[in-house]
Amino acid sequence: MATATAASSNRQTGRKIIAQNRKARHDYAVVDTYEAGVVLTGTEVKSLRLGRASLVDGFATIDDGEIYLHNVHIPEYEQGSWTNHEPRRVRKLLLHRGEIERLVGKTKESGLTLVPLALYFSNGKVKVEIALARGKRSYDKRQDLARRDADREVARALGRRTKGFDR
């Protein structure tokens, strides 16, 4: 009985973020997000446990009813031997059939793309948050930056006023 509780307490719980793709939120307007599992090898998981990954140029494609993650960089595990993985290999994503069919329809009809937003551990399993996104044009990006700056100025002014500096 004591061994069962000891084994279950060694498991990770919660969500530990490995890598985020902040540039994706800047370059794309996120329409919807999905959580997917990732098919990985042992050395990839060990490298991810060290917190090493990059999603910067990553994207997902749909081929033959399966979703694949491209250009996500997981560096080789330093203690790995001949079993080591290739850093930028194509990785399969695990989603429910209904979610895949919904994504197929939306990417074909309206010019949306699949972009990874975050890579994280959820209860000991590696998950990726992919976004169904529409590319922003340069003027959209400028509008977002201007809106963010205006919001920041309003927050500053309110902060000064509540502290009693603006009288």
N, C-alpha and C. Protein backbone atom coordinates (compact mmCIF):
# COMPACT_ATOMS: atom_id res chain seq x y z
N MET A 1 0.82 -1.19 0.00
CA MET A 1 0.00 0.00 0.00
C MET A 1 0.87 1.25 0.00
N ALA A 2 1.95 1.23 0.76
CA ALA A 2 2.82 2.40 0.86
C ALA A 2 3.53 2.68 -0.45
N THR A 3 3.83 1.63 -1.22
CA THR A 3 4.53 1.84 -2.49
C THR A 3 3.63 2.49 -3.52
N ALA A 4 2.35 2.22 -3.49
CA ALA A 4 1.43 2.83 -4.45
C ALA A 4 1.33 4.33 -4.23
N THR A 5 1.28 4.77 -3.00
CA THR A 5 1.19 6.21 -2.74
C THR A 5 2.51 6.89 -3.03
N ALA A 6 3.62 6.20 -2.78
CA ALA A 6 4.93 6.80 -3.07
C ALA A 6 5.11 6.96 -4.57
N ALA A 7 4.66 5.99 -5.36
CA ALA A 7 4.80 6.07 -6.81
C ALA A 7 3.93 7.18 -7.38
N SER A 8 2.72 7.33 -6.85
CA SER A 8 1.83 8.36 -7.37
C SER A 8 2.29 9.76 -6.98
N SER A 9 3.01 9.90 -5.87
CA SER A 9 3.46 11.23 -5.47
C SER A 9 4.66 11.70 -6.28
N ASN A 10 5.35 10.77 -6.97
CA ASN A 10 6.48 11.14 -7.81
C ASN A 10 6.04 11.75 -9.13
N ARG A 11 4.80 11.53 -9.50
CA ARG A 11 4.29 12.07 -10.75
C ARG A 11 4.16 13.57 -10.70
N GLN A 12 4.41 14.21 -11.85
CA GLN A 12 4.24 15.65 -11.91
C GLN A 12 2.76 15.99 -12.03
N THR A 13 2.36 17.05 -11.38
CA THR A 13 0.99 17.52 -11.53
C THR A 13 1.06 18.99 -11.94
N GLY A 14 -0.01 19.44 -12.56
CA GLY A 14 -0.05 20.83 -12.98
C GLY A 14 0.53 21.03 -14.36
N ARG A 15 0.89 22.29 -14.65
CA ARG A 15 1.35 22.66 -15.98
C ARG A 15 2.68 23.39 -15.87
N LYS A 16 3.71 22.85 -16.51
CA LYS A 16 5.04 23.46 -16.50
C LYS A 16 5.40 23.85 -17.93
N ILE A 17 5.50 25.15 -18.19
CA ILE A 17 5.76 25.63 -19.54
C ILE A 17 7.22 25.42 -19.90
N ILE A 18 7.45 24.85 -21.09
CA ILE A 18 8.80 24.61 -21.61
C ILE A 18 9.20 25.76 -22.52
N ALA A 19 8.33 26.09 -23.49
CA ALA A 19 8.63 27.15 -24.45
C ALA A 19 7.33 27.82 -24.89
N GLN A 20 7.43 29.13 -25.18
CA GLN A 20 6.29 29.88 -25.69
C GLN A 20 6.69 30.56 -26.99
N ASN A 21 5.70 30.80 -27.84
CA ASN A 21 5.93 31.47 -29.11
C ASN A 21 5.25 32.84 -29.06
N ARG A 22 5.95 33.81 -28.47
CA ARG A 22 5.36 35.15 -28.33
C ARG A 22 5.21 35.83 -29.68
N LYS A 23 6.10 35.52 -30.60
CA LYS A 23 6.07 36.14 -31.93
C LYS A 23 4.79 35.76 -32.68
N ALA A 24 4.26 34.57 -32.40
CA ALA A 24 3.05 34.12 -33.09
C ALA A 24 1.87 35.03 -32.76
N ARG A 25 1.75 35.44 -31.50
CA ARG A 25 0.64 36.34 -31.13
C ARG A 25 0.80 37.71 -31.77
N HIS A 26 2.04 38.08 -32.09
CA HIS A 26 2.29 39.35 -32.76
C HIS A 26 1.99 39.25 -34.25
N ASP A 27 2.36 38.13 -34.87
CA ASP A 27 2.22 37.98 -36.31
C ASP A 27 0.86 37.45 -36.76
N TYR A 28 0.11 36.84 -35.85
CA TYR A 28 -1.16 36.21 -36.22
C TYR A 28 -2.28 36.66 -35.28
N ALA A 29 -3.49 36.71 -35.84
CA ALA A 29 -4.69 36.93 -35.04
C ALA A 29 -5.25 35.55 -34.69
N VAL A 30 -5.24 35.20 -33.42
CA VAL A 30 -5.65 33.86 -32.98
C VAL A 30 -7.17 33.76 -33.00
N VAL A 31 -7.68 32.76 -33.73
CA VAL A 31 -9.11 32.53 -33.83
C VAL A 31 -9.56 31.52 -32.78
N ASP A 32 -8.82 30.42 -32.65
CA ASP A 32 -9.19 29.35 -31.72
C ASP A 32 -7.92 28.61 -31.31
N THR A 33 -7.93 27.98 -30.12
CA THR A 33 -6.76 27.23 -29.67
C THR A 33 -7.16 25.79 -29.33
N TYR A 34 -6.23 24.89 -29.50
CA TYR A 34 -6.43 23.47 -29.20
C TYR A 34 -5.21 22.95 -28.44
N GLU A 35 -5.44 21.99 -27.56
CA GLU A 35 -4.36 21.31 -26.85
C GLU A 35 -4.17 19.95 -27.49
N ALA A 36 -2.93 19.65 -27.88
CA ALA A 36 -2.65 18.37 -28.55
C ALA A 36 -1.47 17.69 -27.88
N GLY A 37 -1.50 16.38 -27.87
CA GLY A 37 -0.35 15.60 -27.42
C GLY A 37 0.66 15.53 -28.55
N VAL A 38 1.91 15.19 -28.23
CA VAL A 38 2.96 15.12 -29.23
C VAL A 38 3.62 13.75 -29.15
N VAL A 39 3.85 13.12 -30.32
CA VAL A 39 4.55 11.84 -30.36
C VAL A 39 6.04 12.15 -30.35
N LEU A 40 6.74 11.73 -29.27
CA LEU A 40 8.16 12.04 -29.09
C LEU A 40 8.96 10.78 -28.81
N THR A 41 10.27 10.89 -29.00
CA THR A 41 11.17 9.80 -28.60
C THR A 41 11.67 10.09 -27.19
N GLY A 42 12.35 9.14 -26.59
CA GLY A 42 12.82 9.28 -25.21
C GLY A 42 13.81 10.41 -25.03
N THR A 43 14.74 10.59 -25.97
CA THR A 43 15.74 11.65 -25.81
C THR A 43 15.11 13.03 -25.99
N GLU A 44 14.03 13.12 -26.76
CA GLU A 44 13.34 14.40 -26.91
C GLU A 44 12.69 14.80 -25.58
N VAL A 45 12.08 13.85 -24.91
CA VAL A 45 11.44 14.14 -23.62
C VAL A 45 12.49 14.56 -22.60
N LYS A 46 13.64 13.86 -22.59
CA LYS A 46 14.70 14.22 -21.65
C LYS A 46 15.23 15.62 -21.93
N SER A 47 15.36 15.98 -23.19
CA SER A 47 15.81 17.32 -23.55
C SER A 47 14.77 18.37 -23.13
N LEU A 48 13.49 18.05 -23.29
CA LEU A 48 12.43 18.97 -22.88
C LEU A 48 12.38 19.12 -21.37
N ARG A 49 12.69 18.07 -20.63
CA ARG A 49 12.70 18.17 -19.17
C ARG A 49 13.76 19.16 -18.70
N LEU A 50 14.80 19.36 -19.51
CA LEU A 50 15.81 20.36 -19.20
C LEU A 50 15.36 21.76 -19.60
N GLY A 51 14.16 21.87 -20.20
CA GLY A 51 13.59 23.17 -20.56
C GLY A 51 14.15 23.74 -21.83
N ARG A 52 14.53 22.88 -22.77
CA ARG A 52 15.17 23.36 -23.99
C ARG A 52 14.29 23.07 -25.20
N ALA A 53 13.77 24.12 -25.84
CA ALA A 53 12.99 23.98 -27.07
C ALA A 53 12.75 25.36 -27.66
N SER A 54 12.46 25.41 -28.95
CA SER A 54 12.17 26.66 -29.62
C SER A 54 11.01 26.46 -30.60
N LEU A 55 10.01 27.33 -30.50
CA LEU A 55 8.83 27.25 -31.37
C LEU A 55 8.80 28.35 -32.42
N VAL A 56 9.88 29.11 -32.56
CA VAL A 56 9.86 30.34 -33.34
C VAL A 56 9.38 30.15 -34.78
N ASP A 57 9.91 29.20 -35.52
CA ASP A 57 9.52 29.01 -36.92
C ASP A 57 8.51 27.89 -37.09
N GLY A 58 7.91 27.43 -36.01
CA GLY A 58 7.05 26.26 -36.06
C GLY A 58 5.71 26.52 -36.73
N PHE A 59 5.19 25.46 -37.36
CA PHE A 59 3.85 25.49 -37.94
C PHE A 59 3.36 24.05 -38.01
N ALA A 60 2.06 23.88 -38.21
CA ALA A 60 1.48 22.55 -38.31
C ALA A 60 0.78 22.39 -39.65
N THR A 61 0.85 21.17 -40.19
CA THR A 61 0.17 20.87 -41.45
C THR A 61 -0.74 19.67 -41.25
N ILE A 62 -1.71 19.55 -42.15
CA ILE A 62 -2.62 18.42 -42.11
C ILE A 62 -2.37 17.58 -43.36
N ASP A 63 -1.90 16.33 -43.17
CA ASP A 63 -1.61 15.42 -44.27
C ASP A 63 -2.33 14.10 -44.01
N ASP A 64 -3.18 13.69 -44.93
CA ASP A 64 -3.89 12.41 -44.85
C ASP A 64 -4.65 12.24 -43.54
N GLY A 65 -5.31 13.29 -43.08
CA GLY A 65 -6.10 13.19 -41.87
C GLY A 65 -5.29 13.17 -40.59
N GLU A 66 -4.02 13.48 -40.66
CA GLU A 66 -3.14 13.55 -39.49
C GLU A 66 -2.53 14.94 -39.42
N ILE A 67 -2.24 15.42 -38.22
CA ILE A 67 -1.63 16.73 -38.06
C ILE A 67 -0.18 16.55 -37.65
N TYR A 68 0.71 17.26 -38.35
CA TYR A 68 2.15 17.16 -38.10
C TYR A 68 2.71 18.53 -37.76
N LEU A 69 3.65 18.55 -36.83
CA LEU A 69 4.32 19.77 -36.37
C LEU A 69 5.68 19.86 -37.05
N HIS A 70 5.93 20.97 -37.72
CA HIS A 70 7.17 21.18 -38.46
C HIS A 70 8.00 22.30 -37.82
N ASN A 71 9.32 22.26 -38.01
CA ASN A 71 10.26 23.32 -37.63
C ASN A 71 10.29 23.66 -36.15
N VAL A 72 9.87 22.77 -35.29
CA VAL A 72 10.01 22.99 -33.85
C VAL A 72 11.36 22.39 -33.46
N HIS A 73 12.20 23.20 -32.84
CA HIS A 73 13.56 22.77 -32.53
C HIS A 73 13.65 22.26 -31.10
N ILE A 74 13.94 20.97 -30.96
CA ILE A 74 14.23 20.37 -29.67
C ILE A 74 15.67 19.87 -29.77
N PRO A 75 16.61 20.53 -29.09
CA PRO A 75 18.02 20.16 -29.26
C PRO A 75 18.31 18.73 -28.81
N GLU A 76 19.39 18.17 -29.34
CA GLU A 76 19.77 16.81 -28.99
C GLU A 76 20.07 16.73 -27.50
N TYR A 77 19.76 15.58 -26.92
CA TYR A 77 20.06 15.32 -25.51
C TYR A 77 21.55 15.05 -25.39
N GLU A 78 22.23 15.78 -24.51
CA GLU A 78 23.68 15.71 -24.45
C GLU A 78 24.20 14.35 -23.99
N GLN A 79 23.46 13.67 -23.11
CA GLN A 79 23.91 12.35 -22.66
C GLN A 79 23.40 11.24 -23.58
N GLY A 80 22.70 11.60 -24.65
CA GLY A 80 22.19 10.59 -25.57
C GLY A 80 23.30 10.00 -26.41
N SER A 81 23.08 8.79 -26.90
CA SER A 81 24.09 8.13 -27.72
C SER A 81 23.57 8.06 -29.15
N TRP A 82 23.74 6.93 -29.77
CA TRP A 82 23.25 6.76 -31.14
C TRP A 82 21.73 6.83 -31.20
N THR A 83 21.06 6.76 -30.06
CA THR A 83 19.59 6.83 -30.03
C THR A 83 19.08 8.26 -30.11
N ASN A 84 19.98 9.24 -30.18
CA ASN A 84 19.56 10.64 -30.18
C ASN A 84 18.67 10.95 -31.39
N HIS A 85 17.86 11.97 -31.25
CA HIS A 85 16.90 12.37 -32.27
C HIS A 85 17.47 13.50 -33.13
N GLU A 86 16.79 13.77 -34.24
CA GLU A 86 17.14 14.91 -35.09
C GLU A 86 16.41 16.14 -34.54
N PRO A 87 17.09 17.27 -34.35
CA PRO A 87 16.47 18.42 -33.65
C PRO A 87 15.21 18.98 -34.32
N ARG A 88 15.14 19.06 -35.63
CA ARG A 88 13.99 19.66 -36.31
C ARG A 88 13.14 18.65 -37.06
N ARG A 89 13.01 17.46 -36.55
CA ARG A 89 12.23 16.45 -37.27
C ARG A 89 10.73 16.77 -37.20
N VAL A 90 9.98 16.19 -38.11
CA VAL A 90 8.53 16.37 -38.14
C VAL A 90 7.92 15.47 -37.06
N ARG A 91 7.03 16.05 -36.25
CA ARG A 91 6.43 15.31 -35.14
C ARG A 91 4.91 15.26 -35.30
N LYS A 92 4.35 14.11 -35.02
CA LYS A 92 2.91 13.92 -35.15
C LYS A 92 2.20 14.46 -33.91
N LEU A 93 1.06 15.13 -34.14
CA LEU A 93 0.24 15.64 -33.04
C LEU A 93 -0.96 14.72 -32.83
N LEU A 94 -1.37 14.60 -31.57
CA LEU A 94 -2.47 13.72 -31.22
C LEU A 94 -3.70 14.54 -30.84
N LEU A 95 -4.72 14.45 -31.68
CA LEU A 95 -5.99 15.14 -31.45
C LEU A 95 -7.13 14.16 -31.71
N HIS A 96 -8.32 14.48 -31.21
CA HIS A 96 -9.49 13.67 -31.49
C HIS A 96 -9.88 13.83 -32.95
N ARG A 97 -10.48 12.80 -33.53
CA ARG A 97 -10.86 12.80 -34.94
C ARG A 97 -11.76 13.99 -35.26
N GLY A 98 -12.72 14.30 -34.40
CA GLY A 98 -13.63 15.43 -34.65
C GLY A 98 -12.89 16.75 -34.71
N GLU A 99 -11.89 16.91 -33.82
CA GLU A 99 -11.10 18.15 -33.83
C GLU A 99 -10.29 18.26 -35.12
N ILE A 100 -9.74 17.15 -35.57
CA ILE A 100 -8.95 17.16 -36.81
C ILE A 100 -9.84 17.52 -37.99
N GLU A 101 -11.02 16.93 -38.06
CA GLU A 101 -11.93 17.24 -39.17
C GLU A 101 -12.35 18.71 -39.15
N ARG A 102 -12.59 19.25 -37.97
CA ARG A 102 -12.95 20.67 -37.85
C ARG A 102 -11.80 21.55 -38.33
N LEU A 103 -10.58 21.18 -37.95
CA LEU A 103 -9.40 21.95 -38.39
C LEU A 103 -9.19 21.85 -39.89
N VAL A 104 -9.42 20.68 -40.47
CA VAL A 104 -9.28 20.51 -41.92
C VAL A 104 -10.23 21.45 -42.64
N GLY A 105 -11.48 21.49 -42.19
CA GLY A 105 -12.48 22.36 -42.82
C GLY A 105 -12.12 23.83 -42.71
N LYS A 106 -11.70 24.26 -41.54
CA LYS A 106 -11.41 25.68 -41.33
C LYS A 106 -10.16 26.13 -42.07
N THR A 107 -9.13 25.28 -42.14
CA THR A 107 -7.91 25.70 -42.84
C THR A 107 -8.12 25.73 -44.34
N LYS A 108 -8.98 24.86 -44.88
CA LYS A 108 -9.21 24.86 -46.33
C LYS A 108 -10.12 26.00 -46.77
N GLU A 109 -11.17 26.28 -46.00
CA GLU A 109 -12.17 27.24 -46.46
C GLU A 109 -11.76 28.70 -46.30
N SER A 110 -11.08 29.05 -45.23
CA SER A 110 -10.91 30.48 -44.95
C SER A 110 -9.47 30.94 -44.84
N GLY A 111 -8.53 30.17 -45.33
CA GLY A 111 -7.15 30.63 -45.33
C GLY A 111 -6.52 30.78 -43.97
N LEU A 112 -6.93 29.94 -43.03
CA LEU A 112 -6.34 30.00 -41.71
C LEU A 112 -5.16 29.03 -41.65
N THR A 113 -4.27 29.24 -40.69
CA THR A 113 -3.10 28.39 -40.54
C THR A 113 -3.00 27.88 -39.10
N LEU A 114 -2.21 26.84 -38.90
CA LEU A 114 -2.00 26.27 -37.57
C LEU A 114 -0.61 26.64 -37.07
N VAL A 115 -0.56 27.31 -35.91
CA VAL A 115 0.70 27.79 -35.35
C VAL A 115 0.81 27.32 -33.90
N PRO A 116 1.98 26.79 -33.50
CA PRO A 116 2.14 26.41 -32.09
C PRO A 116 2.36 27.65 -31.22
N LEU A 117 1.63 27.74 -30.10
CA LEU A 117 1.76 28.87 -29.18
C LEU A 117 2.62 28.53 -27.97
N ALA A 118 2.48 27.30 -27.46
CA ALA A 118 3.22 26.93 -26.25
C ALA A 118 3.48 25.43 -26.25
N LEU A 119 4.58 25.05 -25.62
CA LEU A 119 4.94 23.65 -25.41
C LEU A 119 5.10 23.50 -23.91
N TYR A 120 4.42 22.52 -23.32
CA TYR A 120 4.43 22.41 -21.86
C TYR A 120 4.17 20.98 -21.41
N PHE A 121 4.48 20.72 -20.14
CA PHE A 121 4.15 19.46 -19.50
C PHE A 121 2.82 19.63 -18.79
N SER A 122 1.89 18.72 -19.03
CA SER A 122 0.62 18.72 -18.33
C SER A 122 0.47 17.34 -17.69
N ASN A 123 0.56 17.29 -16.37
CA ASN A 123 0.51 16.03 -15.62
C ASN A 123 1.53 15.02 -16.13
N GLY A 124 2.72 15.49 -16.43
CA GLY A 124 3.81 14.61 -16.85
C GLY A 124 3.86 14.30 -18.33
N LYS A 125 2.87 14.73 -19.11
CA LYS A 125 2.83 14.47 -20.55
C LYS A 125 3.13 15.77 -21.30
N VAL A 126 3.86 15.65 -22.42
CA VAL A 126 4.18 16.83 -23.22
C VAL A 126 2.97 17.18 -24.08
N LYS A 127 2.56 18.43 -23.99
CA LYS A 127 1.43 18.93 -24.78
C LYS A 127 1.88 20.17 -25.54
N VAL A 128 1.20 20.43 -26.66
CA VAL A 128 1.45 21.65 -27.41
C VAL A 128 0.11 22.36 -27.60
N GLU A 129 0.12 23.66 -27.41
CA GLU A 129 -1.09 24.46 -27.65
C GLU A 129 -0.96 25.03 -29.05
N ILE A 130 -1.83 24.56 -29.95
CA ILE A 130 -1.79 25.07 -31.32
C ILE A 130 -2.96 26.01 -31.52
N ALA A 131 -2.72 27.02 -32.36
CA ALA A 131 -3.75 28.02 -32.60
C ALA A 131 -4.17 27.99 -34.06
N LEU A 132 -5.45 28.10 -34.27
CA LEU A 132 -5.99 28.33 -35.59
C LEU A 132 -5.93 29.84 -35.76
N ALA A 133 -5.08 30.31 -36.68
CA ALA A 133 -4.78 31.74 -36.72
C ALA A 133 -4.83 32.29 -38.14
N ARG A 134 -5.05 33.59 -38.22
CA ARG A 134 -5.06 34.32 -39.49
C ARG A 134 -3.89 35.30 -39.45
N GLY A 135 -3.11 35.35 -40.51
CA GLY A 135 -1.95 36.23 -40.55
C GLY A 135 -2.34 37.70 -40.50
N LYS A 136 -1.60 38.48 -39.73
CA LYS A 136 -1.86 39.91 -39.64
C LYS A 136 -1.05 40.64 -40.71
N ARG A 137 -1.59 41.74 -41.16
CA ARG A 137 -0.84 42.60 -42.08
C ARG A 137 -0.08 43.61 -41.23
N SER A 138 0.84 44.34 -41.85
CA SER A 138 1.70 45.25 -41.07
C SER A 138 0.89 46.35 -40.40
N TYR A 139 -0.18 46.85 -41.05
CA TYR A 139 -0.96 47.91 -40.41
C TYR A 139 -1.75 47.37 -39.22
N ASP A 140 -2.15 46.09 -39.27
CA ASP A 140 -2.81 45.48 -38.11
C ASP A 140 -1.86 45.43 -36.92
N LYS A 141 -0.59 45.08 -37.19
CA LYS A 141 0.41 45.01 -36.12
C LYS A 141 0.63 46.39 -35.51
N ARG A 142 0.69 47.42 -36.37
CA ARG A 142 0.88 48.78 -35.86
C ARG A 142 -0.30 49.22 -35.00
N GLN A 143 -1.52 48.87 -35.43
CA GLN A 143 -2.71 49.21 -34.64
C GLN A 143 -2.67 48.52 -33.29
N ASP A 144 -2.26 47.25 -33.26
CA ASP A 144 -2.16 46.53 -31.99
C ASP A 144 -1.14 47.17 -31.07
N LEU A 145 0.01 47.56 -31.63
CA LEU A 145 1.04 48.22 -30.81
C LEU A 145 0.54 49.55 -30.27
N ALA A 146 -0.15 50.33 -31.10
CA ALA A 146 -0.68 51.61 -30.66
C ALA A 146 -1.74 51.41 -29.57
N ARG A 147 -2.60 50.42 -29.72
CA ARG A 147 -3.63 50.14 -28.73
C ARG A 147 -2.99 49.71 -27.40
N ARG A 148 -1.95 48.88 -27.49
CA ARG A 148 -1.27 48.42 -26.27
C ARG A 148 -0.60 49.60 -25.56
N ASP A 149 0.04 50.50 -26.33
CA ASP A 149 0.67 51.68 -25.73
C ASP A 149 -0.37 52.58 -25.07
N ALA A 150 -1.52 52.77 -25.73
CA ALA A 150 -2.58 53.61 -25.16
C ALA A 150 -3.11 52.99 -23.87
N ASP A 151 -3.31 51.68 -23.88
CA ASP A 151 -3.78 51.01 -22.65
C ASP A 151 -2.77 51.16 -21.52
N ARG A 152 -1.50 51.07 -21.85
CA ARG A 152 -0.45 51.21 -20.84
C ARG A 152 -0.45 52.63 -20.26
N GLU A 153 -0.64 53.62 -21.12
CA GLU A 153 -0.69 55.01 -20.65
C GLU A 153 -1.89 55.24 -19.73
N VAL A 154 -3.03 54.68 -20.09
CA VAL A 154 -4.23 54.81 -19.26
C VAL A 154 -3.99 54.17 -17.90
N ALA A 155 -3.39 52.99 -17.90
CA ALA A 155 -3.12 52.30 -16.63
C ALA A 155 -2.15 53.11 -15.77
N ARG A 156 -1.15 53.71 -16.40
CA ARG A 156 -0.19 54.55 -15.66
C ARG A 156 -0.90 55.75 -15.04
N ALA A 157 -1.74 56.42 -15.86
CA ALA A 157 -2.44 57.60 -15.37
C ALA A 157 -3.37 57.24 -14.21
N LEU A 158 -4.07 56.12 -14.33
CA LEU A 158 -4.94 55.69 -13.24
C LEU A 158 -4.14 55.36 -11.99
N GLY A 159 -2.99 54.74 -12.16
CA GLY A 159 -2.14 54.40 -11.03
C GLY A 159 -1.64 55.65 -10.32
N ARG A 160 -1.23 56.66 -11.11
CA ARG A 160 -0.77 57.90 -10.52
C ARG A 160 -1.90 58.61 -9.78
N ARG A 161 -3.08 58.55 -10.38
CA ARG A 161 -4.22 59.25 -9.77
C ARG A 161 -4.63 58.58 -8.46
N THR A 162 -4.64 57.25 -8.44
CA THR A 162 -5.02 56.56 -7.20
C THR A 162 -4.00 56.75 -6.11
N LYS A 163 -2.74 56.95 -6.47
CA LYS A 163 -1.71 57.16 -5.47
C LYS A 163 -1.67 58.62 -5.01
N GLY A 164 -2.41 59.48 -5.70
CA GLY A 164 -2.50 60.88 -5.29
C GLY A 164 -1.43 61.78 -5.86
N PHE A 165 -0.73 61.34 -6.91
CA PHE A 165 0.31 62.18 -7.51
C PHE A 165 -0.25 63.17 -8.52
N ASP A 166 -1.39 62.89 -9.12
CA ASP A 166 -1.97 63.76 -10.15
C ASP A 166 -3.12 64.56 -9.58
N ARG A 167 -2.83 65.68 -8.95
CA ARG A 167 -3.92 66.48 -8.37
C ARG A 167 -3.90 67.86 -8.93
